[in-house]
């Protein structure tokens, strides 16, 4: 079987890998209908996050079940399934509280940019659709596996409510789907921070009412100017840098809520500054499994179309070009067809 392996900065190869097999009785083997490249994959691709050895890549996936282990009860061969990037049993005390991304048996999917993938803890991780979905919905179903689920968590963790004013920091796929999520949750005003025309256009399609191009103190001032001198009720941080984190905190009104779902790199926070900011902070790896049933239903009922974030589709063996396109910001998100 061929799959994606990262050897070092900007060295992505599509090469022979072992065919996945059932290792534990709770495993399932999935033949992927689609996979993709995540913005978080760019951290190791750019060398910002070191890789010590050749590393299989990919954590977003959906497809057809080929085989299940003897202890799998709810997932059956021939079903179409979507799985979270975080593997979970969905039964431990943490999962029952809705934080499957911190399951006591948690693993992370790391090898989904291939034609086949092994999914541990299949009953807890995978959600099956009743029927095989039409091909045109596959991109949107794939989006639920991570970027939509993460955007939804960002809006939920930031306490987006009907009538809220929301700011989204970051115009990557997660930020754009944070806009969509805030719209679905009833936000009245959604301010997307973006400097890229194509991304601004998609943000407006997803529900953004305003675009702010300024950054730093100028960006904060512009947010407050749009909100009668105060920050927003809810702010979604969807990047993971020091600049984006401070932008988000300063854009939140006292008493407001800020979520952070961008994987942090080089971020440090000043305790005194946080103390006087008086904002609620909540974030981390998104518990996508909590939201999957609802999000899949919204997609299948064609209430939302998160698959629009895939503005480049390539065959899987062209994966290196997909990485280059995202690295150079020629693409928001690359969908890969096995």
C-alpha atoms as a PDB file:
ATOM      1  CA  UNK A   1       0.000   0.000   0.000  1.00  0.00           C
ATOM      2  CA  UNK A   2       1.188   3.524  -0.784  1.00  0.00           C
ATOM      3  CA  UNK A   3       0.877   6.328   1.732  1.00  0.00           C
ATOM      4  CA  UNK A   4       2.240   9.727   2.769  1.00  0.00           C
ATOM      5  CA  UNK A   5       5.436   9.951   4.827  1.00  0.00           C
ATOM      6  CA  UNK A   6       7.132  13.138   6.056  1.00  0.00           C
ATOM      7  CA  UNK A   7      10.928  12.837   6.219  1.00  0.00           C
ATOM      8  CA  UNK A   8      11.775  16.384   7.216  1.00  0.00           C
ATOM      9  CA  UNK A   9      11.018  20.027   6.390  1.00  0.00           C
ATOM     10  CA  UNK A  10       9.221  20.159   3.016  1.00  0.00           C
ATOM     11  CA  UNK A  11      10.197  16.562   2.273  1.00  0.00           C
ATOM     12  CA  UNK A  12       6.906  14.716   1.720  1.00  0.00           C
ATOM     13  CA  UNK A  13       7.013  11.363  -0.048  1.00  0.00           C
ATOM     14  CA  UNK A  14       4.312   9.027  -1.283  1.00  0.00           C
ATOM     15  CA  UNK A  15       5.780   5.593  -0.778  1.00  0.00           C
ATOM     16  CA  UNK A  16       5.213   1.971   0.124  1.00  0.00           C
ATOM     17  CA  UNK A  17       3.839   1.350   3.605  1.00  0.00           C
ATOM     18  CA  UNK A  18       2.593  -1.753   5.362  1.00  0.00           C
ATOM     19  CA  UNK A  19      -1.027  -2.658   4.693  1.00  0.00           C
ATOM     20  CA  UNK A  20      -3.022  -1.980   7.887  1.00  0.00           C
ATOM     21  CA  UNK A  21      -4.238  -5.073   9.704  1.00  0.00           C
ATOM     22  CA  UNK A  22      -6.385  -5.756  12.754  1.00  0.00           C
ATOM     23  CA  UNK A  23      -4.021  -5.526  15.737  1.00  0.00           C
ATOM     24  CA  UNK A  24      -6.494  -5.374  18.620  1.00  0.00           C
ATOM     25  CA  UNK A  25     -10.013  -6.862  18.725  1.00  0.00           C
ATOM     26  CA  UNK A  26     -11.462  -3.327  19.001  1.00  0.00           C
ATOM     27  CA  UNK A  27      -9.902  -2.199  15.675  1.00  0.00           C
ATOM     28  CA  UNK A  28     -11.503  -1.522  12.309  1.00  0.00           C
ATOM     29  CA  UNK A  29      -9.921  -1.216   8.864  1.00  0.00           C
ATOM     30  CA  UNK A  30     -11.324   1.569   6.668  1.00  0.00           C
ATOM     31  CA  UNK A  31     -10.916   2.006   2.923  1.00  0.00           C
ATOM     32  CA  UNK A  32     -10.846   5.771   2.588  1.00  0.00           C
ATOM     33  CA  UNK A  33     -13.247   7.598   0.296  1.00  0.00           C
ATOM     34  CA  UNK A  34     -11.337  10.831   0.889  1.00  0.00           C
ATOM     35  CA  UNK A  35      -8.641  12.270   3.108  1.00  0.00           C
ATOM     36  CA  UNK A  36      -6.941  15.659   3.221  1.00  0.00           C
ATOM     37  CA  UNK A  37      -4.142  17.885   4.456  1.00  0.00           C
ATOM     38  CA  UNK A  38      -4.708  19.847   7.660  1.00  0.00           C
ATOM     39  CA  UNK A  39      -3.297  23.244   8.493  1.00  0.00           C
ATOM     40  CA  UNK A  40      -1.698  21.642  11.552  1.00  0.00           C
ATOM     41  CA  UNK A  41       0.243  19.339   9.206  1.00  0.00           C
ATOM     42  CA  UNK A  42       2.103  22.437   8.043  1.00  0.00           C
ATOM     43  CA  UNK A  43       3.847  22.849  11.422  1.00  0.00           C
ATOM     44  CA  UNK A  44       6.041  19.738  10.940  1.00  0.00           C
ATOM     45  CA  UNK A  45       6.129  20.292   7.178  1.00  0.00           C
ATOM     46  CA  UNK A  46       7.733  23.701   7.734  1.00  0.00           C
ATOM     47  CA  UNK A  47      10.118  22.335  10.348  1.00  0.00           C
ATOM     48  CA  UNK A  48       8.552  24.299  13.199  1.00  0.00           C
ATOM     49  CA  UNK A  49       7.569  21.012  14.854  1.00  0.00           C
ATOM     50  CA  UNK A  50      10.491  18.588  14.564  1.00  0.00           C
ATOM     51  CA  UNK A  51      10.116  15.024  13.273  1.00  0.00           C
ATOM     52  CA  UNK A  52      12.783  12.622  14.515  1.00  0.00           C
ATOM     53  CA  UNK A  53      12.159   9.926  11.915  1.00  0.00           C
ATOM     54  CA  UNK A  54      10.092   9.296   8.766  1.00  0.00           C
ATOM     55  CA  UNK A  55       6.523   9.890   9.934  1.00  0.00           C
ATOM     56  CA  UNK A  56       3.232   8.765   8.333  1.00  0.00           C
ATOM     57  CA  UNK A  57       0.833  11.679   7.964  1.00  0.00           C
ATOM     58  CA  UNK A  58      -2.897  12.348   8.020  1.00  0.00           C
ATOM     59  CA  UNK A  59      -5.646  12.500  10.643  1.00  0.00           C
ATOM     60  CA  UNK A  60      -8.865  13.360   8.757  1.00  0.00           C
ATOM     61  CA  UNK A  61     -10.738  10.484   7.194  1.00  0.00           C
ATOM     62  CA  UNK A  62     -13.992   8.933   6.081  1.00  0.00           C
ATOM     63  CA  UNK A  63     -14.758   5.818   4.094  1.00  0.00           C
ATOM     64  CA  UNK A  64     -16.074   2.272   3.945  1.00  0.00           C
ATOM     65  CA  UNK A  65     -15.468  -0.312   6.658  1.00  0.00           C
ATOM     66  CA  UNK A  66     -13.597  -3.331   5.271  1.00  0.00           C
ATOM     67  CA  UNK A  67     -12.975  -5.366   8.410  1.00  0.00           C
ATOM     68  CA  UNK A  68     -13.591  -5.186  12.151  1.00  0.00           C
ATOM     69  CA  UNK A  69     -12.094  -6.908  15.170  1.00  0.00           C
ATOM     70  CA  UNK A  70     -14.013  -9.542  17.082  1.00  0.00           C
ATOM     71  CA  UNK A  71     -14.975  -7.160  19.925  1.00  0.00           C
ATOM     72  CA  UNK A  72     -16.407  -4.424  17.684  1.00  0.00           C
ATOM     73  CA  UNK A  73     -20.175  -4.377  18.148  1.00  0.00           C
ATOM     74  CA  UNK A  74     -21.630  -1.253  16.542  1.00  0.00           C
ATOM     75  CA  UNK A  75     -19.518  -0.781  13.419  1.00  0.00           C
ATOM     76  CA  UNK A  76     -20.065  -3.232  10.555  1.00  0.00           C
ATOM     77  CA  UNK A  77     -18.269  -4.023   7.302  1.00  0.00           C
ATOM     78  CA  UNK A  78     -19.638  -2.093   4.286  1.00  0.00           C
ATOM     79  CA  UNK A  79     -20.837   0.848   6.407  1.00  0.00           C
ATOM     80  CA  UNK A  80     -19.765   4.392   5.550  1.00  0.00           C
ATOM     81  CA  UNK A  81     -18.112   5.964   8.582  1.00  0.00           C
ATOM     82  CA  UNK A  82     -16.546   9.214   9.732  1.00  0.00           C
ATOM     83  CA  UNK A  83     -13.999   9.219  12.538  1.00  0.00           C
ATOM     84  CA  UNK A  84     -12.467  11.800  14.815  1.00  0.00           C
ATOM     85  CA  UNK A  85      -8.762  12.635  14.698  1.00  0.00           C
ATOM     86  CA  UNK A  86      -8.693  11.700  18.412  1.00  0.00           C
ATOM     87  CA  UNK A  87      -9.238   8.007  19.107  1.00  0.00           C
ATOM     88  CA  UNK A  88     -11.540   7.401  22.084  1.00  0.00           C
ATOM     89  CA  UNK A  89     -13.528   4.637  23.763  1.00  0.00           C
ATOM     90  CA  UNK A  90     -16.476   7.052  24.271  1.00  0.00           C
ATOM     91  CA  UNK A  91     -17.267   5.304  27.569  1.00  0.00           C
ATOM     92  CA  UNK A  92     -14.720   6.536  30.148  1.00  0.00           C
ATOM     93  CA  UNK A  93     -15.601   9.266  32.639  1.00  0.00           C
ATOM     94  CA  UNK A  94     -13.869  11.920  30.502  1.00  0.00           C
ATOM     95  CA  UNK A  95     -15.693  10.843  27.334  1.00  0.00           C
ATOM     96  CA  UNK A  96     -19.031  10.789  29.129  1.00  0.00           C
ATOM     97  CA  UNK A  97     -18.378  14.400  30.104  1.00  0.00           C
ATOM     98  CA  UNK A  98     -17.968  15.263  26.412  1.00  0.00           C
ATOM     99  CA  UNK A  99     -14.176  15.473  26.193  1.00  0.00           C
ATOM    100  CA  UNK A 100     -13.373  12.460  24.044  1.00  0.00           C
ATOM    101  CA  UNK A 101     -10.188  14.192  22.858  1.00  0.00           C
ATOM    102  CA  UNK A 102      -8.817  13.544  26.377  1.00  0.00           C
ATOM    103  CA  UNK A 103     -10.134   9.987  26.673  1.00  0.00           C
ATOM    104  CA  UNK A 104      -8.282   7.836  29.194  1.00  0.00           C
ATOM    105  CA  UNK A 105      -7.370   5.560  26.268  1.00  0.00           C
ATOM    106  CA  UNK A 106      -6.722   8.401  23.825  1.00  0.00           C
ATOM    107  CA  UNK A 107      -4.562   7.980  20.775  1.00  0.00           C
ATOM    108  CA  UNK A 108      -4.245  10.310  17.804  1.00  0.00           C
ATOM    109  CA  UNK A 109      -4.812   9.274  14.219  1.00  0.00           C
ATOM    110  CA  UNK A 110      -1.549   9.818  12.348  1.00  0.00           C
ATOM    111  CA  UNK A 111      -1.633   7.762   9.144  1.00  0.00           C
ATOM    112  CA  UNK A 112      -4.786   8.650   7.213  1.00  0.00           C
ATOM    113  CA  UNK A 113      -3.170  10.088   4.060  1.00  0.00           C
ATOM    114  CA  UNK A 114      -3.352   6.663   2.450  1.00  0.00           C
ATOM    115  CA  UNK A 115      -5.914   4.380   0.856  1.00  0.00           C
ATOM    116  CA  UNK A 116      -6.448   2.225   3.975  1.00  0.00           C
ATOM    117  CA  UNK A 117      -6.243   3.043   7.664  1.00  0.00           C
ATOM    118  CA  UNK A 118      -6.559   1.154  10.941  1.00  0.00           C
ATOM    119  CA  UNK A 119      -8.850   2.808  13.476  1.00  0.00           C
ATOM    120  CA  UNK A 120      -8.416   1.663  17.089  1.00  0.00           C
ATOM    121  CA  UNK A 121     -11.400   1.725  19.467  1.00  0.00           C
ATOM    122  CA  UNK A 122     -13.706   1.645  16.460  1.00  0.00           C
ATOM    123  CA  UNK A 123     -16.985   1.584  18.395  1.00  0.00           C
ATOM    124  CA  UNK A 124     -16.046   4.726  20.310  1.00  0.00           C
ATOM    125  CA  UNK A 125     -14.330   6.638  17.521  1.00  0.00           C
ATOM    126  CA  UNK A 126     -16.390   6.020  14.387  1.00  0.00           C
ATOM    127  CA  UNK A 127     -19.890   7.213  13.493  1.00  0.00           C
ATOM    128  CA  UNK A 128     -21.719   5.356  10.734  1.00  0.00           C
ATOM    129  CA  UNK A 129     -24.272   6.836   8.355  1.00  0.00           C
ATOM    130  CA  UNK A 130     -27.487   4.928   7.774  1.00  0.00           C
ATOM    131  CA  UNK A 131     -26.894   4.691   4.028  1.00  0.00           C
ATOM    132  CA  UNK A 132     -23.990   5.241   1.675  1.00  0.00           C
ATOM    133  CA  UNK A 133     -23.904   9.013   1.121  1.00  0.00           C
ATOM    134  CA  UNK A 134     -23.890  10.555  -2.365  1.00  0.00           C
ATOM    135  CA  UNK A 135     -20.414  11.345  -3.669  1.00  0.00           C
ATOM    136  CA  UNK A 136     -21.052  15.080  -3.725  1.00  0.00           C
ATOM    137  CA  UNK A 137     -21.404  15.089   0.089  1.00  0.00           C
ATOM    138  CA  UNK A 138     -18.106  13.295   0.749  1.00  0.00           C
ATOM    139  CA  UNK A 139     -16.054  16.538   1.086  1.00  0.00           C
ATOM    140  CA  UNK A 140     -18.456  17.943   3.659  1.00  0.00           C
ATOM    141  CA  UNK A 141     -18.550  14.661   5.583  1.00  0.00           C
ATOM    142  CA  UNK A 142     -14.757  14.595   5.564  1.00  0.00           C
ATOM    143  CA  UNK A 143     -14.743  18.124   7.009  1.00  0.00           C
ATOM    144  CA  UNK A 144     -16.681  16.903  10.054  1.00  0.00           C
ATOM    145  CA  UNK A 145     -13.720  14.661  10.961  1.00  0.00           C
ATOM    146  CA  UNK A 146     -11.664  17.620  12.159  1.00  0.00           C
ATOM    147  CA  UNK A 147     -11.953  21.141  10.793  1.00  0.00           C
ATOM    148  CA  UNK A 148     -15.731  21.495  11.135  1.00  0.00           C
ATOM    149  CA  UNK A 149     -15.734  19.697  14.477  1.00  0.00           C
ATOM    150  CA  UNK A 150     -12.911  21.951  15.643  1.00  0.00           C
ATOM    151  CA  UNK A 151     -14.623  25.104  14.377  1.00  0.00           C
ATOM    152  CA  UNK A 152     -17.830  23.983  16.092  1.00  0.00           C
ATOM    153  CA  UNK A 153     -15.984  23.382  19.369  1.00  0.00           C
ATOM    154  CA  UNK A 154     -14.401  26.825  19.041  1.00  0.00           C
ATOM    155  CA  UNK A 155     -17.831  28.435  18.792  1.00  0.00           C
ATOM    156  CA  UNK A 156     -19.262  26.272  21.572  1.00  0.00           C
ATOM    157  CA  UNK A 157     -16.312  26.876  23.914  1.00  0.00           C
ATOM    158  CA  UNK A 158     -16.601  30.629  23.257  1.00  0.00           C
ATOM    159  CA  UNK A 159     -20.242  30.485  24.384  1.00  0.00           C
ATOM    160  CA  UNK A 160     -21.698  31.698  21.096  1.00  0.00           C
ATOM    161  CA  UNK A 161     -25.392  32.338  21.629  1.00  0.00           C
ATOM    162  CA  UNK A 162     -28.255  33.744  19.536  1.00  0.00           C
ATOM    163  CA  UNK A 163     -27.638  37.465  19.167  1.00  0.00           C
ATOM    164  CA  UNK A 164     -23.925  37.258  20.045  1.00  0.00           C
ATOM    165  CA  UNK A 165     -21.183  39.371  18.541  1.00  0.00           C
ATOM    166  CA  UNK A 166     -18.362  37.046  17.501  1.00  0.00           C
ATOM    167  CA  UNK A 167     -14.799  37.596  16.292  1.00  0.00           C
ATOM    168  CA  UNK A 168     -12.913  34.833  14.479  1.00  0.00           C
ATOM    169  CA  UNK A 169      -9.113  35.159  14.496  1.00  0.00           C
ATOM    170  CA  UNK A 170      -7.693  33.099  11.636  1.00  0.00           C
ATOM    171  CA  UNK A 171      -8.929  32.558   8.086  1.00  0.00           C
ATOM    172  CA  UNK A 172      -7.740  29.000   7.554  1.00  0.00           C
ATOM    173  CA  UNK A 173     -10.206  26.132   7.236  1.00  0.00           C
ATOM    174  CA  UNK A 174     -10.877  25.987  10.987  1.00  0.00           C
ATOM    175  CA  UNK A 175     -11.443  29.736  11.240  1.00  0.00           C
ATOM    176  CA  UNK A 176     -13.755  29.742   8.234  1.00  0.00           C
ATOM    177  CA  UNK A 177     -15.755  26.860   9.694  1.00  0.00           C
ATOM    178  CA  UNK A 178     -15.770  28.675  13.017  1.00  0.00           C
ATOM    179  CA  UNK A 179     -17.642  31.399  11.128  1.00  0.00           C
ATOM    180  CA  UNK A 180     -20.090  28.815   9.775  1.00  0.00           C
ATOM    181  CA  UNK A 181     -20.529  27.348  13.260  1.00  0.00           C
ATOM    182  CA  UNK A 182     -21.175  30.726  14.861  1.00  0.00           C
ATOM    183  CA  UNK A 183     -23.790  31.431  12.199  1.00  0.00           C
ATOM    184  CA  UNK A 184     -25.502  28.107  12.896  1.00  0.00           C
ATOM    185  CA  UNK A 185     -25.544  28.926  16.615  1.00  0.00           C
ATOM    186  CA  UNK A 186     -27.370  32.182  15.960  1.00  0.00           C
ATOM    187  CA  UNK A 187     -24.665  34.844  16.215  1.00  0.00           C
ATOM    188  CA  UNK A 188     -25.957  38.216  15.053  1.00  0.00           C
ATOM    189  CA  UNK A 189     -22.632  39.765  14.093  1.00  0.00           C
ATOM    190  CA  UNK A 190     -19.615  37.739  12.975  1.00  0.00           C
ATOM    191  CA  UNK A 191     -16.338  39.551  12.344  1.00  0.00           C
ATOM    192  CA  UNK A 192     -13.761  37.579  10.390  1.00  0.00           C
ATOM    193  CA  UNK A 193     -10.147  38.720  10.589  1.00  0.00           C
ATOM    194  CA  UNK A 194      -8.689  38.089   7.142  1.00  0.00           C
ATOM    195  CA  UNK A 195      -6.393  39.710   4.613  1.00  0.00           C
ATOM    196  CA  UNK A 196      -7.036  37.301   1.748  1.00  0.00           C
ATOM    197  CA  UNK A 197      -9.768  38.086  -0.753  1.00  0.00           C
ATOM    198  CA  UNK A 198     -10.729  34.474  -1.538  1.00  0.00           C
ATOM    199  CA  UNK A 199     -10.976  33.631   2.142  1.00  0.00           C
ATOM    200  CA  UNK A 200     -12.943  36.793   2.875  1.00  0.00           C
ATOM    201  CA  UNK A 201     -15.411  35.777   0.187  1.00  0.00           C
ATOM    202  CA  UNK A 202     -15.881  32.319   1.683  1.00  0.00           C
ATOM    203  CA  UNK A 203     -16.170  33.786   5.182  1.00  0.00           C
ATOM    204  CA  UNK A 204     -19.059  35.936   3.961  1.00  0.00           C
ATOM    205  CA  UNK A 205     -20.682  32.905   2.321  1.00  0.00           C
ATOM    206  CA  UNK A 206     -20.476  31.133   5.670  1.00  0.00           C
ATOM    207  CA  UNK A 207     -22.051  34.054   7.540  1.00  0.00           C
ATOM    208  CA  UNK A 208     -19.470  36.747   8.293  1.00  0.00           C
ATOM    209  CA  UNK A 209     -21.031  40.191   8.493  1.00  0.00           C
ATOM    210  CA  UNK A 210     -17.760  42.145   8.723  1.00  0.00           C
ATOM    211  CA  UNK A 211     -14.145  41.733   7.664  1.00  0.00           C
ATOM    212  CA  UNK A 212     -11.234  43.222   9.618  1.00  0.00           C
ATOM    213  CA  UNK A 213      -7.844  43.289   7.924  1.00  0.00           C
ATOM    214  CA  UNK A 214      -5.901  45.122  10.642  1.00  0.00           C
ATOM    215  CA  UNK A 215      -3.676  43.252  13.102  1.00  0.00           C
ATOM    216  CA  UNK A 216      -2.221  43.891  16.548  1.00  0.00           C
ATOM    217  CA  UNK A 217      -3.380  46.980  18.408  1.00  0.00           C
ATOM    218  CA  UNK A 218      -4.920  48.369  15.217  1.00  0.00           C
ATOM    219  CA  UNK A 219      -6.979  45.205  14.866  1.00  0.00           C
ATOM    220  CA  UNK A 220      -8.166  45.420  18.473  1.00  0.00           C
ATOM    221  CA  UNK A 221      -9.079  49.085  17.997  1.00  0.00           C
ATOM    222  CA  UNK A 222     -11.058  48.229  14.865  1.00  0.00           C
ATOM    223  CA  UNK A 223     -12.946  45.450  16.690  1.00  0.00           C
ATOM    224  CA  UNK A 224     -13.865  47.849  19.491  1.00  0.00           C
ATOM    225  CA  UNK A 225     -14.850  50.523  16.983  1.00  0.00           C
ATOM    226  CA  UNK A 226     -17.347  48.060  15.491  1.00  0.00           C
ATOM    227  CA  UNK A 227     -18.682  47.198  18.961  1.00  0.00           C
ATOM    228  CA  UNK A 228     -19.373  50.553  20.587  1.00  0.00           C
ATOM    229  CA  UNK A 229     -15.981  50.748  22.269  1.00  0.00           C
ATOM    230  CA  UNK A 230     -15.883  47.272  23.825  1.00  0.00           C
ATOM    231  CA  UNK A 231     -14.666  43.882  22.675  1.00  0.00           C
ATOM    232  CA  UNK A 232     -16.778  41.032  21.351  1.00  0.00           C
ATOM    233  CA  UNK A 233     -18.956  38.679  23.384  1.00  0.00           C
ATOM    234  CA  UNK A 234     -17.173  35.643  21.913  1.00  0.00           C
ATOM    235  CA  UNK A 235     -13.770  35.335  20.246  1.00  0.00           C
ATOM    236  CA  UNK A 236     -12.474  32.234  18.471  1.00  0.00           C
ATOM    237  CA  UNK A 237      -8.679  31.852  18.213  1.00  0.00           C
ATOM    238  CA  UNK A 238      -7.972  29.474  15.329  1.00  0.00           C
ATOM    239  CA  UNK A 239      -4.251  29.865  14.568  1.00  0.00           C
ATOM    240  CA  UNK A 240      -1.970  29.043  17.499  1.00  0.00           C
ATOM    241  CA  UNK A 241       0.647  31.820  17.467  1.00  0.00           C
ATOM    242  CA  UNK A 242       1.538  34.400  20.097  1.00  0.00           C
ATOM    243  CA  UNK A 243       0.167  37.157  17.885  1.00  0.00           C
ATOM    244  CA  UNK A 244      -3.169  35.439  17.288  1.00  0.00           C
ATOM    245  CA  UNK A 245      -3.609  34.531  20.948  1.00  0.00           C
ATOM    246  CA  UNK A 246      -3.018  38.096  22.136  1.00  0.00           C
ATOM    247  CA  UNK A 247      -5.204  39.432  19.336  1.00  0.00           C
ATOM    248  CA  UNK A 248      -8.014  37.201  20.591  1.00  0.00           C
ATOM    249  CA  UNK A 249      -7.658  37.988  24.283  1.00  0.00           C
ATOM    250  CA  UNK A 250      -7.550  41.752  23.698  1.00  0.00           C
ATOM    251  CA  UNK A 251     -10.559  41.559  21.355  1.00  0.00           C
ATOM    252  CA  UNK A 252     -12.765  39.938  24.026  1.00  0.00           C
ATOM    253  CA  UNK A 253     -14.828  42.178  26.270  1.00  0.00           C
ATOM    254  CA  UNK A 254     -14.505  41.820  30.056  1.00  0.00           C
ATOM    255  CA  UNK A 255     -16.841  38.994  31.013  1.00  0.00           C
ATOM    256  CA  UNK A 256     -16.718  37.617  27.482  1.00  0.00           C
ATOM    257  CA  UNK A 257     -15.582  34.213  26.297  1.00  0.00           C
ATOM    258  CA  UNK A 258     -12.529  33.265  24.255  1.00  0.00           C
ATOM    259  CA  UNK A 259     -11.779  29.839  22.828  1.00  0.00           C
ATOM    260  CA  UNK A 260      -8.441  28.674  21.504  1.00  0.00           C
ATOM    261  CA  UNK A 261      -8.250  25.721  19.137  1.00  0.00           C
ATOM    262  CA  UNK A 262      -5.154  26.546  17.091  1.00  0.00           C
ATOM    263  CA  UNK A 263      -2.334  24.185  18.136  1.00  0.00           C
ATOM    264  CA  UNK A 264      -0.078  26.581  20.105  1.00  0.00           C
ATOM    265  CA  UNK A 265       3.512  27.131  19.019  1.00  0.00           C
ATOM    266  CA  UNK A 266       5.653  29.552  20.996  1.00  0.00           C
ATOM    267  CA  UNK A 267       2.694  30.901  22.966  1.00  0.00           C
ATOM    268  CA  UNK A 268       3.151  32.270  26.493  1.00  0.00           C
ATOM    269  CA  UNK A 269       0.606  34.249  28.491  1.00  0.00           C
ATOM    270  CA  UNK A 270       1.120  36.958  31.075  1.00  0.00           C
ATOM    271  CA  UNK A 271      -0.741  36.062  34.264  1.00  0.00           C
ATOM    272  CA  UNK A 272      -1.281  39.678  35.366  1.00  0.00           C
ATOM    273  CA  UNK A 273      -2.615  40.640  31.953  1.00  0.00           C
ATOM    274  CA  UNK A 274      -5.060  37.718  32.040  1.00  0.00           C
ATOM    275  CA  UNK A 275      -6.089  38.619  35.576  1.00  0.00           C
ATOM    276  CA  UNK A 276      -7.186  42.102  34.571  1.00  0.00           C
ATOM    277  CA  UNK A 277      -8.652  41.036  31.214  1.00  0.00           C
ATOM    278  CA  UNK A 278     -11.463  39.173  33.038  1.00  0.00           C
ATOM    279  CA  UNK A 279     -12.240  36.869  30.136  1.00  0.00           C
ATOM    280  CA  UNK A 280     -13.284  33.224  30.175  1.00  0.00           C
ATOM    281  CA  UNK A 281     -10.714  31.022  28.385  1.00  0.00           C
ATOM    282  CA  UNK A 282     -11.489  27.536  27.148  1.00  0.00           C
ATOM    283  CA  UNK A 283      -9.817  25.462  24.471  1.00  0.00           C
ATOM    284  CA  UNK A 284      -7.629  22.530  23.548  1.00  0.00           C
ATOM    285  CA  UNK A 285      -7.888  19.650  21.087  1.00  0.00           C
ATOM    286  CA  UNK A 286     -11.502  19.593  19.944  1.00  0.00           C
ATOM    287  CA  UNK A 287     -13.707  16.753  21.205  1.00  0.00           C
ATOM    288  CA  UNK A 288     -14.935  16.169  17.660  1.00  0.00           C
ATOM    289  CA  UNK A 289     -16.593  12.858  18.577  1.00  0.00           C
ATOM    290  CA  UNK A 290     -19.049  14.759  20.798  1.00  0.00           C
ATOM    291  CA  UNK A 291     -20.357  16.697  17.807  1.00  0.00           C
ATOM    292  CA  UNK A 292     -20.047  14.150  14.987  1.00  0.00           C
ATOM    293  CA  UNK A 293     -23.631  12.801  15.029  1.00  0.00           C
ATOM    294  CA  UNK A 294     -25.129  16.309  14.887  1.00  0.00           C
ATOM    295  CA  UNK A 295     -22.687  17.575  12.262  1.00  0.00           C
ATOM    296  CA  UNK A 296     -23.125  14.524  10.032  1.00  0.00           C
ATOM    297  CA  UNK A 297     -26.887  15.001  10.214  1.00  0.00           C
ATOM    298  CA  UNK A 298     -26.578  18.664   9.212  1.00  0.00           C
ATOM    299  CA  UNK A 299     -24.446  17.678   6.217  1.00  0.00           C
ATOM    300  CA  UNK A 300     -26.695  14.825   5.095  1.00  0.00           C
ATOM    301  CA  UNK A 301     -29.749  17.095   5.359  1.00  0.00           C
ATOM    302  CA  UNK A 302     -27.804  19.678   3.303  1.00  0.00           C
ATOM    303  CA  UNK A 303     -28.234  22.360   5.947  1.00  0.00           C
ATOM    304  CA  UNK A 304     -24.531  23.228   5.740  1.00  0.00           C
ATOM    305  CA  UNK A 305     -21.799  22.795   3.134  1.00  0.00           C
ATOM    306  CA  UNK A 306     -18.460  22.847   4.986  1.00  0.00           C
ATOM    307  CA  UNK A 307     -16.813  21.048   2.063  1.00  0.00           C
ATOM    308  CA  UNK A 308     -16.425  24.446   0.405  1.00  0.00           C
ATOM    309  CA  UNK A 309     -13.193  24.893   2.364  1.00  0.00           C
ATOM    310  CA  UNK A 310     -11.583  22.362   0.012  1.00  0.00           C
ATOM    311  CA  UNK A 311     -10.485  24.611  -2.810  1.00  0.00           C
ATOM    312  CA  UNK A 312      -7.977  22.141  -4.233  1.00  0.00           C
ATOM    313  CA  UNK A 313      -8.620  18.468  -5.000  1.00  0.00           C
ATOM    314  CA  UNK A 314      -5.792  16.158  -6.008  1.00  0.00           C
ATOM    315  CA  UNK A 315      -5.231  12.441  -6.416  1.00  0.00           C
ATOM    316  CA  UNK A 316      -3.503  11.053  -3.351  1.00  0.00           C
ATOM    317  CA  UNK A 317      -0.267  10.401  -5.204  1.00  0.00           C
ATOM    318  CA  UNK A 318       0.009  14.186  -5.784  1.00  0.00           C
ATOM    319  CA  UNK A 319       0.041  14.820  -2.018  1.00  0.00           C
ATOM    320  CA  UNK A 320       3.381  16.697  -2.118  1.00  0.00           C
ATOM    321  CA  UNK A 321       1.830  19.318  -4.399  1.00  0.00           C
ATOM    322  CA  UNK A 322      -1.061  19.636  -1.962  1.00  0.00           C
ATOM    323  CA  UNK A 323       1.357  20.461   0.836  1.00  0.00           C
ATOM    324  CA  UNK A 324       3.184  22.996  -1.332  1.00  0.00           C
ATOM    325  CA  UNK A 325      -0.070  24.698  -2.324  1.00  0.00           C
ATOM    326  CA  UNK A 326      -1.159  25.108   1.295  1.00  0.00           C
ATOM    327  CA  UNK A 327       2.307  26.146   2.449  1.00  0.00           C
ATOM    328  CA  UNK A 328       2.363  28.873  -0.227  1.00  0.00           C
ATOM    329  CA  UNK A 329      -1.251  29.842   0.594  1.00  0.00           C
ATOM    330  CA  UNK A 330      -2.387  28.978  -2.915  1.00  0.00           C
ATOM    331  CA  UNK A 331      -4.985  26.707  -1.310  1.00  0.00           C
ATOM    332  CA  UNK A 332      -7.026  26.903   1.865  1.00  0.00           C
ATOM    333  CA  UNK A 333      -7.293  23.130   2.213  1.00  0.00           C
ATOM    334  CA  UNK A 334      -6.415  20.225  -0.061  1.00  0.00           C
ATOM    335  CA  UNK A 335      -8.713  17.233  -0.467  1.00  0.00           C
ATOM    336  CA  UNK A 336      -7.014  14.000  -1.513  1.00  0.00           C
ATOM    337  CA  UNK A 337      -8.773  11.252  -3.459  1.00  0.00           C
ATOM    338  CA  UNK A 338      -7.282   7.759  -2.987  1.00  0.00           C
END
